Amino acid sequence: MFKLKFFTLFVLAGLCFGSGNGEGEGHSPGEAETAEGGDTSADQGNNEKKPEESADDGKSKAGEEATAGKAGGNKAGHKLPNFIGTEEDKNDYVKRLLSTCSTKYNIPKINEYNISFPTCTFTCLSSTAFISSVNERIPKGMICNENNITCLDEGPCPSLPVPNC
């Protein structure tokens, strides 16, 4: 009787905790994801390339693969304010922010809906528990307000000039 109970327990444990065929499981470790809230990831699409492969490929890879919602067909940055410029300018803006996160922190993901233009900051989002998300400054010279006003090395975005009469 003990042997039958042990065998039944062993079979049930194997069925519950054993390696399955993937049905009903979450995404695999190398699978890219775009979560709600405008997360933009530079490693979407091609699971074979890693961000640390080469320094010169980083910009072109981020540009080709940094899309927010491939199902919708929109490029990364399509929801940025119009003072950034055209759709291509917005895409380039996000690619540059992604490049900053990738090179400084090895975090190839940002939340493009949470870019704070008045304070010239954005967040590099981590998708692992080992690395925390990091607030980063928008690089110097990037647009942060109307009339092509750009971020400085430190401090908030300069305010718009007062019109003269």
C-alpha atoms as a PDB file:
ATOM      1  CA  MET A   1       0.000   0.000   0.000  1.00  0.00           C
ATOM      2  CA  PHE A   2       2.851   2.398   0.858  1.00  0.00           C
ATOM      3  CA  LYS A   3       4.486   1.709  -2.519  1.00  0.00           C
ATOM      4  CA  LEU A   4       1.272   2.581  -4.385  1.00  0.00           C
ATOM      5  CA  LYS A   5       0.868   5.886  -2.498  1.00  0.00           C
ATOM      6  CA  PHE A   6       4.515   6.755  -3.084  1.00  0.00           C
ATOM      7  CA  PHE A   7       4.232   5.938  -6.798  1.00  0.00           C
ATOM      8  CA  THR A   8       1.047   8.055  -7.128  1.00  0.00           C
ATOM      9  CA  LEU A   9       2.708  10.964  -5.346  1.00  0.00           C
ATOM     10  CA  PHE A  10       5.761  10.636  -7.598  1.00  0.00           C
ATOM     11  CA  VAL A  11       3.630  10.626 -10.781  1.00  0.00           C
ATOM     12  CA  LEU A  12       1.576  13.640  -9.682  1.00  0.00           C
ATOM     13  CA  ALA A  13       4.708  15.576  -8.747  1.00  0.00           C
ATOM     14  CA  GLY A  14       6.213  14.768 -12.134  1.00  0.00           C
ATOM     15  CA  LEU A  15       3.100  15.977 -13.938  1.00  0.00           C
ATOM     16  CA  CYS A  16       2.821  19.173 -11.916  1.00  0.00           C
ATOM     17  CA  PHE A  17       6.456  20.194 -11.727  1.00  0.00           C
ATOM     18  CA  GLY A  18       7.979  18.422 -14.693  1.00  0.00           C
ATOM     19  CA  SER A  19       9.241  20.087 -17.827  1.00  0.00           C
ATOM     20  CA  GLY A  20       6.233  20.611 -20.064  1.00  0.00           C
ATOM     21  CA  ASN A  21       5.868  21.246 -23.739  1.00  0.00           C
ATOM     22  CA  GLY A  22       5.390  24.974 -23.171  1.00  0.00           C
ATOM     23  CA  GLU A  23       1.594  25.038 -23.086  1.00  0.00           C
ATOM     24  CA  GLY A  24       0.221  27.314 -20.408  1.00  0.00           C
ATOM     25  CA  GLU A  25       3.635  28.641 -19.508  1.00  0.00           C
ATOM     26  CA  GLY A  26       4.782  32.253 -19.637  1.00  0.00           C
ATOM     27  CA  HIS A  27       7.286  33.587 -22.130  1.00  0.00           C
ATOM     28  CA  SER A  28      10.726  32.057 -22.408  1.00  0.00           C
ATOM     29  CA  PRO A  29      13.778  33.745 -20.803  1.00  0.00           C
ATOM     30  CA  GLY A  30      15.071  35.179 -24.087  1.00  0.00           C
ATOM     31  CA  GLU A  31      11.713  36.402 -25.334  1.00  0.00           C
ATOM     32  CA  ALA A  32      11.305  40.157 -25.674  1.00  0.00           C
ATOM     33  CA  GLU A  33       8.259  41.845 -24.264  1.00  0.00           C
ATOM     34  CA  THR A  34       6.546  45.197 -24.539  1.00  0.00           C
ATOM     35  CA  ALA A  35       4.465  45.907 -21.481  1.00  0.00           C
ATOM     36  CA  GLU A  36       1.663  48.376 -21.009  1.00  0.00           C
ATOM     37  CA  GLY A  37       2.757  51.929 -20.452  1.00  0.00           C
ATOM     38  CA  GLY A  38       4.991  52.461 -23.450  1.00  0.00           C
ATOM     39  CA  ASP A  39       7.971  50.346 -22.620  1.00  0.00           C
ATOM     40  CA  THR A  40      10.374  50.433 -25.500  1.00  0.00           C
ATOM     41  CA  SER A  41      13.008  47.763 -25.695  1.00  0.00           C
ATOM     42  CA  ALA A  42      16.073  47.705 -27.907  1.00  0.00           C
ATOM     43  CA  ASP A  43      16.284  43.923 -27.870  1.00  0.00           C
ATOM     44  CA  GLN A  44      12.884  43.152 -29.376  1.00  0.00           C
ATOM     45  CA  GLY A  45      12.663  40.884 -32.342  1.00  0.00           C
ATOM     46  CA  ASN A  46      15.997  39.086 -32.585  1.00  0.00           C
ATOM     47  CA  ASN A  47      16.657  36.861 -29.586  1.00  0.00           C
ATOM     48  CA  GLU A  48      20.062  35.693 -30.826  1.00  0.00           C
ATOM     49  CA  LYS A  49      21.880  39.043 -30.571  1.00  0.00           C
ATOM     50  CA  LYS A  50      22.890  40.356 -27.168  1.00  0.00           C
ATOM     51  CA  PRO A  51      23.394  44.088 -26.414  1.00  0.00           C
ATOM     52  CA  GLU A  52      27.051  43.513 -25.503  1.00  0.00           C
ATOM     53  CA  GLU A  53      28.038  41.945 -28.862  1.00  0.00           C
ATOM     54  CA  SER A  54      29.655  44.999 -30.404  1.00  0.00           C
ATOM     55  CA  ALA A  55      29.900  48.687 -29.691  1.00  0.00           C
ATOM     56  CA  ASP A  56      29.422  49.918 -33.253  1.00  0.00           C
ATOM     57  CA  ASP A  57      26.282  47.830 -33.867  1.00  0.00           C
ATOM     58  CA  GLY A  58      24.459  49.323 -30.865  1.00  0.00           C
ATOM     59  CA  LYS A  59      23.039  52.358 -32.597  1.00  0.00           C
ATOM     60  CA  SER A  60      21.872  50.622 -35.758  1.00  0.00           C
ATOM     61  CA  LYS A  61      20.452  47.678 -33.817  1.00  0.00           C
ATOM     62  CA  ALA A  62      18.567  49.974 -31.464  1.00  0.00           C
ATOM     63  CA  GLY A  63      17.199  51.876 -34.431  1.00  0.00           C
ATOM     64  CA  GLU A  64      16.047  48.826 -36.334  1.00  0.00           C
ATOM     65  CA  GLU A  65      14.505  47.036 -33.405  1.00  0.00           C
ATOM     66  CA  ALA A  66      13.234  49.789 -31.097  1.00  0.00           C
ATOM     67  CA  THR A  67       9.561  49.634 -31.929  1.00  0.00           C
ATOM     68  CA  ALA A  68       6.723  50.100 -29.511  1.00  0.00           C
ATOM     69  CA  GLY A  69       4.027  47.595 -30.343  1.00  0.00           C
ATOM     70  CA  LYS A  70       5.000  45.828 -33.541  1.00  0.00           C
ATOM     71  CA  ALA A  71       1.403  44.697 -33.965  1.00  0.00           C
ATOM     72  CA  GLY A  72       0.308  48.341 -34.298  1.00  0.00           C
ATOM     73  CA  GLY A  73       3.126  49.132 -36.712  1.00  0.00           C
ATOM     74  CA  ASN A  74       4.040  52.355 -34.901  1.00  0.00           C
ATOM     75  CA  LYS A  75       7.675  53.295 -34.537  1.00  0.00           C
ATOM     76  CA  ALA A  76       9.158  54.058 -31.154  1.00  0.00           C
ATOM     77  CA  GLY A  77       8.484  57.628 -30.103  1.00  0.00           C
ATOM     78  CA  HIS A  78       5.276  58.098 -32.065  1.00  0.00           C
ATOM     79  CA  LYS A  79       3.543  59.488 -28.932  1.00  0.00           C
ATOM     80  CA  LEU A  80       6.229  62.072 -28.120  1.00  0.00           C
ATOM     81  CA  PRO A  81       5.188  65.752 -28.264  1.00  0.00           C
ATOM     82  CA  ASN A  82       5.156  67.464 -31.641  1.00  0.00           C
ATOM     83  CA  PHE A  83       7.948  69.889 -30.678  1.00  0.00           C
ATOM     84  CA  ILE A  84      10.397  66.982 -31.097  1.00  0.00           C
ATOM     85  CA  GLY A  85       9.729  67.036 -34.844  1.00  0.00           C
ATOM     86  CA  THR A  86       8.609  64.509 -37.425  1.00  0.00           C
ATOM     87  CA  GLU A  87       7.914  60.828 -36.776  1.00  0.00           C
ATOM     88  CA  GLU A  88      11.478  60.053 -37.854  1.00  0.00           C
ATOM     89  CA  ASP A  89      12.849  62.698 -35.449  1.00  0.00           C
ATOM     90  CA  LYS A  90      10.790  61.187 -32.618  1.00  0.00           C
ATOM     91  CA  ASN A  91      12.086  57.716 -33.466  1.00  0.00           C
ATOM     92  CA  ASP A  92      15.685  59.002 -33.489  1.00  0.00           C
ATOM     93  CA  TYR A  93      15.069  60.739 -30.131  1.00  0.00           C
ATOM     94  CA  VAL A  94      13.972  57.477 -28.500  1.00  0.00           C
ATOM     95  CA  LYS A  95      16.840  55.574 -30.138  1.00  0.00           C
ATOM     96  CA  ARG A  96      19.313  58.015 -28.611  1.00  0.00           C
ATOM     97  CA  LEU A  97      17.759  57.611 -25.152  1.00  0.00           C
ATOM     98  CA  LEU A  98      17.863  53.821 -25.583  1.00  0.00           C
ATOM     99  CA  SER A  99      21.501  54.063 -26.585  1.00  0.00           C
ATOM    100  CA  THR A 100      22.260  56.033 -23.412  1.00  0.00           C
ATOM    101  CA  CYS A 101      20.623  53.367 -21.223  1.00  0.00           C
ATOM    102  CA  SER A 102      22.320  50.539 -23.100  1.00  0.00           C
ATOM    103  CA  THR A 103      25.831  51.972 -22.917  1.00  0.00           C
ATOM    104  CA  LYS A 104      25.743  53.333 -19.350  1.00  0.00           C
ATOM    105  CA  TYR A 105      23.722  50.662 -17.560  1.00  0.00           C
ATOM    106  CA  ASN A 106      23.283  47.754 -19.996  1.00  0.00           C
ATOM    107  CA  ILE A 107      19.514  48.327 -19.717  1.00  0.00           C
ATOM    108  CA  PRO A 108      18.065  48.466 -23.238  1.00  0.00           C
ATOM    109  CA  LYS A 109      14.543  49.564 -22.271  1.00  0.00           C
ATOM    110  CA  ILE A 110      12.808  52.873 -21.515  1.00  0.00           C
ATOM    111  CA  ASN A 111       9.258  54.050 -20.846  1.00  0.00           C
ATOM    112  CA  GLU A 112       8.709  56.566 -23.608  1.00  0.00           C
ATOM    113  CA  TYR A 113       5.450  57.791 -22.028  1.00  0.00           C
ATOM    114  CA  ASN A 114       7.279  58.761 -18.843  1.00  0.00           C
ATOM    115  CA  ILE A 115       9.909  61.115 -20.255  1.00  0.00           C
ATOM    116  CA  SER A 116       9.939  64.293 -18.149  1.00  0.00           C
ATOM    117  CA  PHE A 117      10.797  67.109 -20.520  1.00  0.00           C
ATOM    118  CA  PRO A 118      10.529  69.906 -17.881  1.00  0.00           C
ATOM    119  CA  THR A 119      13.160  68.201 -15.694  1.00  0.00           C
ATOM    120  CA  CYS A 120      15.164  66.699 -18.598  1.00  0.00           C
ATOM    121  CA  THR A 121      14.919  63.178 -17.162  1.00  0.00           C
ATOM    122  CA  PHE A 122      13.734  59.740 -18.248  1.00  0.00           C
ATOM    123  CA  THR A 123      13.820  56.224 -16.793  1.00  0.00           C
ATOM    124  CA  CYS A 124      15.887  53.276 -17.957  1.00  0.00           C
ATOM    125  CA  LEU A 125      13.603  50.331 -17.140  1.00  0.00           C
ATOM    126  CA  SER A 126      15.060  47.077 -15.936  1.00  0.00           C
ATOM    127  CA  SER A 127      13.206  43.869 -16.694  1.00  0.00           C
ATOM    128  CA  THR A 128      15.131  41.788 -14.151  1.00  0.00           C
ATOM    129  CA  ALA A 129      15.204  41.720 -10.366  1.00  0.00           C
ATOM    130  CA  PHE A 130      19.010  41.910 -10.343  1.00  0.00           C
ATOM    131  CA  ILE A 131      19.237  45.392 -11.853  1.00  0.00           C
ATOM    132  CA  SER A 132      17.017  48.233 -10.665  1.00  0.00           C
ATOM    133  CA  SER A 133      15.525  50.879 -12.927  1.00  0.00           C
ATOM    134  CA  VAL A 134      17.564  54.069 -13.175  1.00  0.00           C
ATOM    135  CA  ASN A 135      16.549  57.706 -13.631  1.00  0.00           C
ATOM    136  CA  GLU A 136      18.810  59.328 -16.192  1.00  0.00           C
ATOM    137  CA  ARG A 137      19.184  62.828 -17.616  1.00  0.00           C
ATOM    138  CA  ILE A 138      18.265  63.505 -21.195  1.00  0.00           C
ATOM    139  CA  PRO A 139      21.626  64.066 -22.919  1.00  0.00           C
ATOM    140  CA  LYS A 140      22.804  67.640 -23.421  1.00  0.00           C
ATOM    141  CA  GLY A 141      21.628  69.169 -26.680  1.00  0.00           C
ATOM    142  CA  MET A 142      18.428  67.136 -27.015  1.00  0.00           C
ATOM    143  CA  ILE A 143      15.159  69.066 -27.380  1.00  0.00           C
ATOM    144  CA  CYS A 144      13.082  69.486 -24.215  1.00  0.00           C
ATOM    145  CA  ASN A 145      10.697  72.331 -25.067  1.00  0.00           C
ATOM    146  CA  GLU A 146       9.188  74.434 -27.837  1.00  0.00           C
ATOM    147  CA  ASN A 147      11.423  76.581 -30.084  1.00  0.00           C
ATOM    148  CA  ASN A 148      14.150  73.900 -30.116  1.00  0.00           C
ATOM    149  CA  ILE A 149      15.199  74.641 -26.523  1.00  0.00           C
ATOM    150  CA  THR A 150      17.575  71.879 -25.429  1.00  0.00           C
ATOM    151  CA  CYS A 151      18.594  70.247 -22.152  1.00  0.00           C
ATOM    152  CA  LEU A 152      21.747  71.436 -20.409  1.00  0.00           C
ATOM    153  CA  ASP A 153      24.317  69.372 -18.486  1.00  0.00           C
ATOM    154  CA  GLU A 154      22.310  69.786 -15.288  1.00  0.00           C
ATOM    155  CA  GLY A 155      19.116  71.372 -14.029  1.00  0.00           C
ATOM    156  CA  PRO A 156      15.678  71.598 -15.595  1.00  0.00           C
ATOM    157  CA  CYS A 157      14.840  72.453 -19.166  1.00  0.00           C
ATOM    158  CA  PRO A 158      15.335  76.190 -19.758  1.00  0.00           C
ATOM    159  CA  SER A 159      12.043  78.060 -19.887  1.00  0.00           C
ATOM    160  CA  LEU A 160      10.680  79.615 -23.036  1.00  0.00           C
ATOM    161  CA  PRO A 161      11.874  83.165 -23.700  1.00  0.00           C
ATOM    162  CA  VAL A 162       9.462  85.954 -22.792  1.00  0.00           C
ATOM    163  CA  PRO A 163       8.211  87.650 -25.963  1.00  0.00           C
ATOM    164  CA  ASN A 164       9.376  91.246 -26.403  1.00  0.00           C
ATOM    165  CA  CYS A 165       7.002  93.974 -27.497  1.00  0.00           C
END
